[in-house]
Amino acid sequence: MNHWTELSIEYANQKSYLDDLFSVYPTIPKGIRDINQLMWNKVETFVMNGIMRNL
């Protein structure tokens, strides 16, 4: 393994890695998005129906 790959792996194993990564590459650049309530209701219904069928 080359020197730079080793350094990258060491850095990726640090606790601050994800915080540092998200400060450079934010996942949601314009802030937190609202969940589409209609879609969320469909998800909840689907999950509850799936759970009820398996009881």
PDB file of N, CA and C in Angstrom:
ATOM      1  N   MET A   1       0.866  -1.169   0.000  1.00  0.00           N
ATOM      2  CA  MET A   1       0.000   0.000   0.000  1.00  0.00           C
ATOM      3  C   MET A   1       0.913   1.232   0.000  1.00  0.00           C
ATOM      4  N   ASN A   2       0.531   2.250  -0.788  1.00  0.00           N
ATOM      5  CA  ASN A   2       1.416   3.408  -0.834  1.00  0.00           C
ATOM      6  C   ASN A   2       1.185   4.327   0.367  1.00  0.00           C
ATOM      7  N   HIS A   3       2.114   5.247   0.544  1.00  0.00           N
ATOM      8  CA  HIS A   3       2.113   6.144   1.703  1.00  0.00           C
ATOM      9  C   HIS A   3       0.816   6.947   1.805  1.00  0.00           C
ATOM     10  N   TRP A   4       0.308   7.476   0.702  1.00  0.00           N
ATOM     11  CA  TRP A   4      -0.883   8.337   0.719  1.00  0.00           C
ATOM     12  C   TRP A   4      -2.144   7.544   1.038  1.00  0.00           C
ATOM     13  N   THR A   5      -2.190   6.322   0.582  1.00  0.00           N
ATOM     14  CA  THR A   5      -3.327   5.466   0.908  1.00  0.00           C
ATOM     15  C   THR A   5      -3.342   5.156   2.396  1.00  0.00           C
ATOM     16  N   GLU A   6      -2.195   4.882   2.962  1.00  0.00           N
ATOM     17  CA  GLU A   6      -2.098   4.620   4.396  1.00  0.00           C
ATOM     18  C   GLU A   6      -2.540   5.840   5.206  1.00  0.00           C
ATOM     19  N   LEU A   7      -2.096   7.031   4.792  1.00  0.00           N
ATOM     20  CA  LEU A   7      -2.503   8.248   5.490  1.00  0.00           C
ATOM     21  C   LEU A   7      -4.014   8.461   5.395  1.00  0.00           C
ATOM     22  N   SER A   8      -4.571   8.184   4.234  1.00  0.00           N
ATOM     23  CA  SER A   8      -6.018   8.338   4.050  1.00  0.00           C
ATOM     24  C   SER A   8      -6.799   7.399   4.956  1.00  0.00           C
ATOM     25  N   ILE A   9      -6.365   6.174   5.061  1.00  0.00           N
ATOM     26  CA  ILE A   9      -7.046   5.196   5.908  1.00  0.00           C
ATOM     27  C   ILE A   9      -6.926   5.588   7.376  1.00  0.00           C
ATOM     28  N   GLU A  10      -5.755   6.047   7.793  1.00  0.00           N
ATOM     29  CA  GLU A  10      -5.574   6.497   9.176  1.00  0.00           C
ATOM     30  C   GLU A  10      -6.512   7.662   9.487  1.00  0.00           C
ATOM     31  N   TYR A  11      -6.593   8.607   8.555  1.00  0.00           N
ATOM     32  CA  TYR A  11      -7.454   9.776   8.763  1.00  0.00           C
ATOM     33  C   TYR A  11      -8.930   9.368   8.797  1.00  0.00           C
ATOM     34  N   ALA A  12      -9.323   8.461   7.937  1.00  0.00           N
ATOM     35  CA  ALA A  12     -10.713   8.016   7.881  1.00  0.00           C
ATOM     36  C   ALA A  12     -11.129   7.303   9.166  1.00  0.00           C
ATOM     37  N   ASN A  13     -10.194   6.779   9.902  1.00  0.00           N
ATOM     38  CA  ASN A  13     -10.497   6.086  11.155  1.00  0.00           C
ATOM     39  C   ASN A  13     -10.575   7.017  12.360  1.00  0.00           C
ATOM     40  N   GLN A  14     -10.308   8.300  12.160  1.00  0.00           N
ATOM     41  CA  GLN A  14     -10.394   9.260  13.263  1.00  0.00           C
ATOM     42  C   GLN A  14     -11.852   9.628  13.523  1.00  0.00           C
ATOM     43  N   LYS A  15     -12.163   9.959  14.781  1.00  0.00           N
ATOM     44  CA  LYS A  15     -13.536  10.306  15.151  1.00  0.00           C
ATOM     45  C   LYS A  15     -14.045  11.545  14.434  1.00  0.00           C
ATOM     46  N   SER A  16     -13.165  12.478  14.120  1.00  0.00           N
ATOM     47  CA  SER A  16     -13.588  13.735  13.500  1.00  0.00           C
ATOM     48  C   SER A  16     -13.741  13.646  11.981  1.00  0.00           C
ATOM     49  N   TYR A  17     -13.455  12.497  11.403  1.00  0.00           N
ATOM     50  CA  TYR A  17     -13.433  12.366   9.943  1.00  0.00           C
ATOM     51  C   TYR A  17     -14.750  12.789   9.285  1.00  0.00           C
ATOM     52  N   LEU A  18     -15.877  12.269   9.764  1.00  0.00           N
ATOM     53  CA  LEU A  18     -17.156  12.595   9.124  1.00  0.00           C
ATOM     54  C   LEU A  18     -17.510  14.072   9.286  1.00  0.00           C
ATOM     55  N   ASP A  19     -17.239  14.628  10.458  1.00  0.00           N
ATOM     56  CA  ASP A  19     -17.486  16.057  10.651  1.00  0.00           C
ATOM     57  C   ASP A  19     -16.647  16.877   9.684  1.00  0.00           C
ATOM     58  N   ASP A  20     -15.377  16.519   9.547  1.00  0.00           N
ATOM     59  CA  ASP A  20     -14.503  17.225   8.612  1.00  0.00           C
ATOM     60  C   ASP A  20     -14.983  17.056   7.178  1.00  0.00           C
ATOM     61  N   LEU A  21     -15.397  15.861   6.840  1.00  0.00           N
ATOM     62  CA  LEU A  21     -15.866  15.581   5.488  1.00  0.00           C
ATOM     63  C   LEU A  21     -17.123  16.388   5.162  1.00  0.00           C
ATOM     64  N   PHE A  22     -18.082  16.426   6.097  1.00  0.00           N
ATOM     65  CA  PHE A  22     -19.320  17.160   5.861  1.00  0.00           C
ATOM     66  C   PHE A  22     -19.104  18.661   5.847  1.00  0.00           C
ATOM     67  N   SER A  23     -18.046  19.140   6.490  1.00  0.00           N
ATOM     68  CA  SER A  23     -17.764  20.582   6.421  1.00  0.00           C
ATOM     69  C   SER A  23     -17.270  20.969   5.031  1.00  0.00           C
ATOM     70  N   VAL A  24     -16.652  20.027   4.328  1.00  0.00           N
ATOM     71  CA  VAL A  24     -16.177  20.290   2.967  1.00  0.00           C
ATOM     72  C   VAL A  24     -17.251  19.950   1.938  1.00  0.00           C
ATOM     73  N   TYR A  25     -17.937  18.832   2.135  1.00  0.00           N
ATOM     74  CA  TYR A  25     -18.968  18.368   1.207  1.00  0.00           C
ATOM     75  C   TYR A  25     -20.283  18.189   1.959  1.00  0.00           C
ATOM     76  N   PRO A  26     -21.021  19.280   2.196  1.00  0.00           N
ATOM     77  CA  PRO A  26     -22.286  19.131   2.928  1.00  0.00           C
ATOM     78  C   PRO A  26     -23.277  18.285   2.139  1.00  0.00           C
ATOM     79  N   THR A  27     -24.026  17.463   2.853  1.00  0.00           N
ATOM     80  CA  THR A  27     -24.992  16.592   2.176  1.00  0.00           C
ATOM     81  C   THR A  27     -26.222  17.364   1.741  1.00  0.00           C
ATOM     82  N   ILE A  28     -26.578  18.398   2.494  1.00  0.00           N
ATOM     83  CA  ILE A  28     -27.729  19.223   2.147  1.00  0.00           C
ATOM     84  C   ILE A  28     -27.253  20.678   2.181  1.00  0.00           C
ATOM     85  N   PRO A  29     -26.821  21.191   1.056  1.00  0.00           N
ATOM     86  CA  PRO A  29     -26.199  22.516   1.056  1.00  0.00           C
ATOM     87  C   PRO A  29     -27.116  23.651   1.490  1.00  0.00           C
ATOM     88  N   LYS A  30     -28.409  23.529   1.323  1.00  0.00           N
ATOM     89  CA  LYS A  30     -29.313  24.624   1.662  1.00  0.00           C
ATOM     90  C   LYS A  30     -30.042  24.382   2.977  1.00  0.00           C
ATOM     91  N   GLY A  31     -29.501  23.561   3.828  1.00  0.00           N
ATOM     92  CA  GLY A  31     -30.135  23.291   5.112  1.00  0.00           C
ATOM     93  C   GLY A  31     -30.984  22.034   5.080  1.00  0.00           C
ATOM     94  N   ILE A  32     -31.675  21.805   6.160  1.00  0.00           N
ATOM     95  CA  ILE A  32     -32.491  20.597   6.300  1.00  0.00           C
ATOM     96  C   ILE A  32     -33.798  20.761   5.534  1.00  0.00           C
ATOM     97  N   ARG A  33     -34.121  19.763   4.747  1.00  0.00           N
ATOM     98  CA  ARG A  33     -35.361  19.797   3.967  1.00  0.00           C
ATOM     99  C   ARG A  33     -36.507  19.228   4.780  1.00  0.00           C
ATOM    100  N   ASP A  34     -37.704  19.739   4.512  1.00  0.00           N
ATOM    101  CA  ASP A  34     -38.896  19.191   5.152  1.00  0.00           C
ATOM    102  C   ASP A  34     -39.297  17.894   4.467  1.00  0.00           C
ATOM    103  N   ILE A  35     -39.835  16.984   5.248  1.00  0.00           N
ATOM    104  CA  ILE A  35     -40.322  15.718   4.701  1.00  0.00           C
ATOM    105  C   ILE A  35     -41.695  15.963   4.083  1.00  0.00           C
ATOM    106  N   ASN A  36     -41.904  15.413   2.908  1.00  0.00           N
ATOM    107  CA  ASN A  36     -43.205  15.485   2.258  1.00  0.00           C
ATOM    108  C   ASN A  36     -44.177  14.661   3.102  1.00  0.00           C
ATOM    109  N   GLN A  37     -45.136  15.330   3.721  1.00  0.00           N
ATOM    110  CA  GLN A  37     -46.026  14.661   4.670  1.00  0.00           C
ATOM    111  C   GLN A  37     -46.872  13.575   4.008  1.00  0.00           C
ATOM    112  N   LEU A  38     -47.311  13.787   2.776  1.00  0.00           N
ATOM    113  CA  LEU A  38     -48.099  12.777   2.070  1.00  0.00           C
ATOM    114  C   LEU A  38     -47.269  11.509   1.867  1.00  0.00           C
ATOM    115  N   MET A  39     -46.021  11.677   1.437  1.00  0.00           N
ATOM    116  CA  MET A  39     -45.157  10.518   1.239  1.00  0.00           C
ATOM    117  C   MET A  39     -44.861   9.822   2.563  1.00  0.00           C
ATOM    118  N   TRP A  40     -44.637  10.606   3.626  1.00  0.00           N
ATOM    119  CA  TRP A  40     -44.349  10.013   4.935  1.00  0.00           C
ATOM    120  C   TRP A  40     -45.536   9.200   5.435  1.00  0.00           C
ATOM    121  N   ASN A  41     -46.755   9.712   5.226  1.00  0.00           N
ATOM    122  CA  ASN A  41     -47.947   8.961   5.625  1.00  0.00           C
ATOM    123  C   ASN A  41     -48.033   7.635   4.885  1.00  0.00           C
ATOM    124  N   LYS A  42     -47.665   7.641   3.613  1.00  0.00           N
ATOM    125  CA  LYS A  42     -47.671   6.397   2.840  1.00  0.00           C
ATOM    126  C   LYS A  42     -46.651   5.411   3.392  1.00  0.00           C
ATOM    127  N   VAL A  43     -45.477   5.915   3.769  1.00  0.00           N
ATOM    128  CA  VAL A  43     -44.440   5.054   4.347  1.00  0.00           C
ATOM    129  C   VAL A  43     -44.943   4.437   5.649  1.00  0.00           C
ATOM    130  N   GLU A  44     -45.518   5.274   6.511  1.00  0.00           N
ATOM    131  CA  GLU A  44     -46.027   4.766   7.789  1.00  0.00           C
ATOM    132  C   GLU A  44     -47.111   3.707   7.574  1.00  0.00           C
ATOM    133  N   THR A  45     -48.007   3.962   6.649  1.00  0.00           N
ATOM    134  CA  THR A  45     -49.070   3.002   6.355  1.00  0.00           C
ATOM    135  C   THR A  45     -48.493   1.686   5.855  1.00  0.00           C
ATOM    136  N   PHE A  46     -47.532   1.772   4.945  1.00  0.00           N
ATOM    137  CA  PHE A  46     -46.897   0.579   4.401  1.00  0.00           C
ATOM    138  C   PHE A  46     -46.224  -0.224   5.502  1.00  0.00           C
ATOM    139  N   VAL A  47     -45.488   0.459   6.377  1.00  0.00           N
ATOM    140  CA  VAL A  47     -44.783  -0.232   7.465  1.00  0.00           C
ATOM    141  C   VAL A  47     -45.781  -0.877   8.417  1.00  0.00           C
ATOM    142  N   MET A  48     -46.782  -0.129   8.808  1.00  0.00           N
ATOM    143  CA  MET A  48     -47.758  -0.686   9.752  1.00  0.00           C
ATOM    144  C   MET A  48     -48.510  -1.864   9.149  1.00  0.00           C
ATOM    145  N   ASN A  49     -48.882  -1.795   7.893  1.00  0.00           N
ATOM    146  CA  ASN A  49     -49.556  -2.917   7.250  1.00  0.00           C
ATOM    147  C   ASN A  49     -48.643  -4.132   7.177  1.00  0.00           C
ATOM    148  N   GLY A  50     -47.378  -3.918   6.896  1.00  0.00           N
ATOM    149  CA  GLY A  50     -46.403  -5.011   6.834  1.00  0.00           C
ATOM    150  C   GLY A  50     -46.220  -5.648   8.199  1.00  0.00           C
ATOM    151  N   ILE A  51     -46.174  -4.819   9.232  1.00  0.00           N
ATOM    152  CA  ILE A  51     -45.997  -5.324  10.603  1.00  0.00           C
ATOM    153  C   ILE A  51     -47.235  -6.094  11.032  1.00  0.00           C
ATOM    154  N   MET A  52     -48.416  -5.560  10.759  1.00  0.00           N
ATOM    155  CA  MET A  52     -49.648  -6.208  11.178  1.00  0.00           C
ATOM    156  C   MET A  52     -49.834  -7.565  10.489  1.00  0.00           C
ATOM    157  N   ARG A  53     -49.393  -7.672   9.243  1.00  0.00           N
ATOM    158  CA  ARG A  53     -49.511  -8.948   8.527  1.00  0.00           C
ATOM    159  C   ARG A  53     -48.592 -10.009   9.110  1.00  0.00           C
ATOM    160  N   ASN A  54     -47.496  -9.562   9.722  1.00  0.00           N
ATOM    161  CA  ASN A  54     -46.518 -10.530  10.249  1.00  0.00           C
ATOM    162  C   ASN A  54     -46.759 -10.914  11.688  1.00  0.00           C
ATOM    163  N   LEU A  55     -47.794 -10.354  12.327  1.00  0.00           N
ATOM    164  CA  LEU A  55     -48.049 -10.695  13.735  1.00  0.00           C
ATOM    165  C   LEU A  55     -48.830 -11.981  13.864  1.00  0.00           C
TER     166      LEU A  55
END
